[in-house]
Amino acid sequence: MKFETIYAAVKKIPRGKVATYGQVARLAGLPRRARLVGYALSALEKSGIPWHRVINAQGRISGRSEPMFEDEQRGLLEREGVVFTRGGRVPLARFQWRA
C-alpha cells in the first residue's frame, strides 16, 4: 500500500529535523505525489510515526481543519529543537533532513 511506504519514509526523519511533503514522496518512491503524503498523514491515528516532522516546501506548517493542529505540530517540533522565524517558517537550510 502506498500509505505504508510513506509512513516508512516518515519514520526515517531524525529527531530535530524536518522533511517536506515532496521530499517524503520522493523517498517513498512516489515522485510528484506530495499531496498523497498529506492525505496519508491526515489519515493517521495516534501512532509512533513522527508526522509532525513533515512541513511544506516553504518551511511552514500546512494547516488542517483540526482545531489547534498547527500549535500542536509547532510545539512538538520546538521540543525537538526546531526553531521558527518570526514569520512562522522553519529555516530549511538548517533543519531540513538530507537523506
Protein backbone atom coordinates (compact mmCIF):
# COMPACT_ATOMS: atom_id res chain seq x y z
CA MET A 1 0.00 0.00 0.00
CA LYS A 2 1.27 3.48 -0.84
CA PHE A 3 0.48 4.85 2.61
CA GLU A 4 2.74 2.24 4.21
CA THR A 5 5.71 3.31 2.04
CA ILE A 6 5.03 6.92 3.01
CA TYR A 7 4.90 6.03 6.70
CA ALA A 8 8.18 4.10 6.39
CA ALA A 9 9.83 7.18 4.84
CA VAL A 10 8.49 9.49 7.56
CA LYS A 11 9.81 7.17 10.28
CA LYS A 12 13.35 7.79 8.95
CA ILE A 13 13.26 11.54 9.60
CA PRO A 14 15.53 12.09 12.60
CA ARG A 15 14.55 14.00 15.72
CA GLY A 16 15.21 17.72 15.33
CA LYS A 17 14.92 17.62 11.53
CA VAL A 18 12.07 18.17 9.08
CA ALA A 19 11.26 17.00 5.58
CA THR A 20 8.91 18.46 3.02
CA TYR A 21 5.88 16.64 1.64
CA GLY A 22 7.59 16.40 -1.75
CA GLN A 23 10.78 15.08 -0.20
CA VAL A 24 8.86 12.34 1.60
CA ALA A 25 7.08 11.45 -1.63
CA ARG A 26 10.42 11.03 -3.42
CA LEU A 27 11.84 8.97 -0.55
CA ALA A 28 8.77 6.74 -0.72
CA GLY A 29 9.29 6.20 -4.46
CA LEU A 30 6.29 8.38 -5.32
CA PRO A 31 7.76 11.46 -7.01
CA ARG A 32 5.39 14.38 -7.60
CA ARG A 33 2.89 12.91 -5.13
CA ALA A 34 3.32 15.40 -2.28
CA ARG A 35 -0.44 15.72 -1.94
CA LEU A 36 -0.70 11.96 -1.38
CA VAL A 37 1.74 12.33 1.51
CA GLY A 38 -0.59 14.91 3.03
CA TYR A 39 -3.56 12.56 2.66
CA ALA A 40 -1.60 9.70 4.22
CA LEU A 41 -0.54 11.79 7.20
CA SER A 42 -4.02 13.17 7.75
CA ALA A 43 -5.34 9.59 7.86
CA LEU A 44 -3.02 8.67 10.73
CA GLU A 45 -4.41 7.87 14.12
CA LYS A 46 -2.13 8.46 17.10
CA SER A 47 0.93 6.38 16.32
CA GLY A 48 4.68 6.19 16.57
CA ILE A 49 5.07 7.85 13.18
CA PRO A 50 6.62 11.33 13.58
CA TRP A 51 4.07 13.07 11.34
CA HIS A 52 4.95 16.42 12.89
CA ARG A 53 8.34 16.42 11.12
CA VAL A 54 6.72 16.92 7.70
CA ILE A 55 6.15 20.51 6.57
CA ASN A 56 5.57 22.26 3.27
CA ALA A 57 8.23 23.40 0.80
CA GLN A 58 8.07 26.97 2.13
CA GLY A 59 9.11 25.77 5.57
CA ARG A 60 5.65 26.29 7.01
CA ILE A 61 3.20 24.05 8.79
CA SER A 62 0.32 23.26 6.47
CA GLY A 63 -3.00 23.98 8.12
CA ARG A 64 -5.70 21.40 8.64
CA SER A 65 -9.32 21.59 9.67
CA GLU A 66 -8.49 20.18 13.11
CA PRO A 67 -8.53 22.86 15.80
CA MET A 68 -5.14 23.60 17.34
CA PHE A 69 -3.32 21.32 14.86
CA GLU A 70 -0.73 23.90 13.90
CA ASP A 71 0.03 24.74 17.55
CA GLU A 72 0.45 21.04 18.35
CA GLN A 73 2.82 20.46 15.44
CA ARG A 74 4.84 23.55 16.21
CA GLY A 75 5.12 22.58 19.88
CA LEU A 76 6.32 19.08 19.01
CA LEU A 77 8.95 20.48 16.65
CA GLU A 78 10.12 23.10 19.12
CA ARG A 79 10.54 20.41 21.79
CA GLU A 80 12.91 18.69 19.38
CA GLY A 81 14.96 21.87 18.97
CA VAL A 82 13.50 23.06 15.66
CA VAL A 83 13.15 26.84 15.61
CA PHE A 84 10.77 29.07 13.69
CA THR A 85 11.40 32.51 12.28
CA ARG A 86 9.19 35.42 13.30
CA GLY A 87 7.27 34.78 10.09
CA GLY A 88 6.47 31.23 11.20
CA ARG A 89 8.88 29.37 8.92
CA VAL A 90 11.39 26.68 9.70
CA PRO A 91 14.78 27.61 8.19
CA LEU A 92 15.10 24.66 5.81
CA ALA A 93 18.80 25.30 5.19
CA ARG A 94 19.39 24.48 8.84
CA PHE A 95 16.69 21.94 9.74
CA GLN A 96 15.81 20.05 6.57
CA TRP A 97 16.88 16.43 6.70
CA ARG A 98 19.25 15.43 3.95
CA ALA A 99 18.66 11.74 3.30
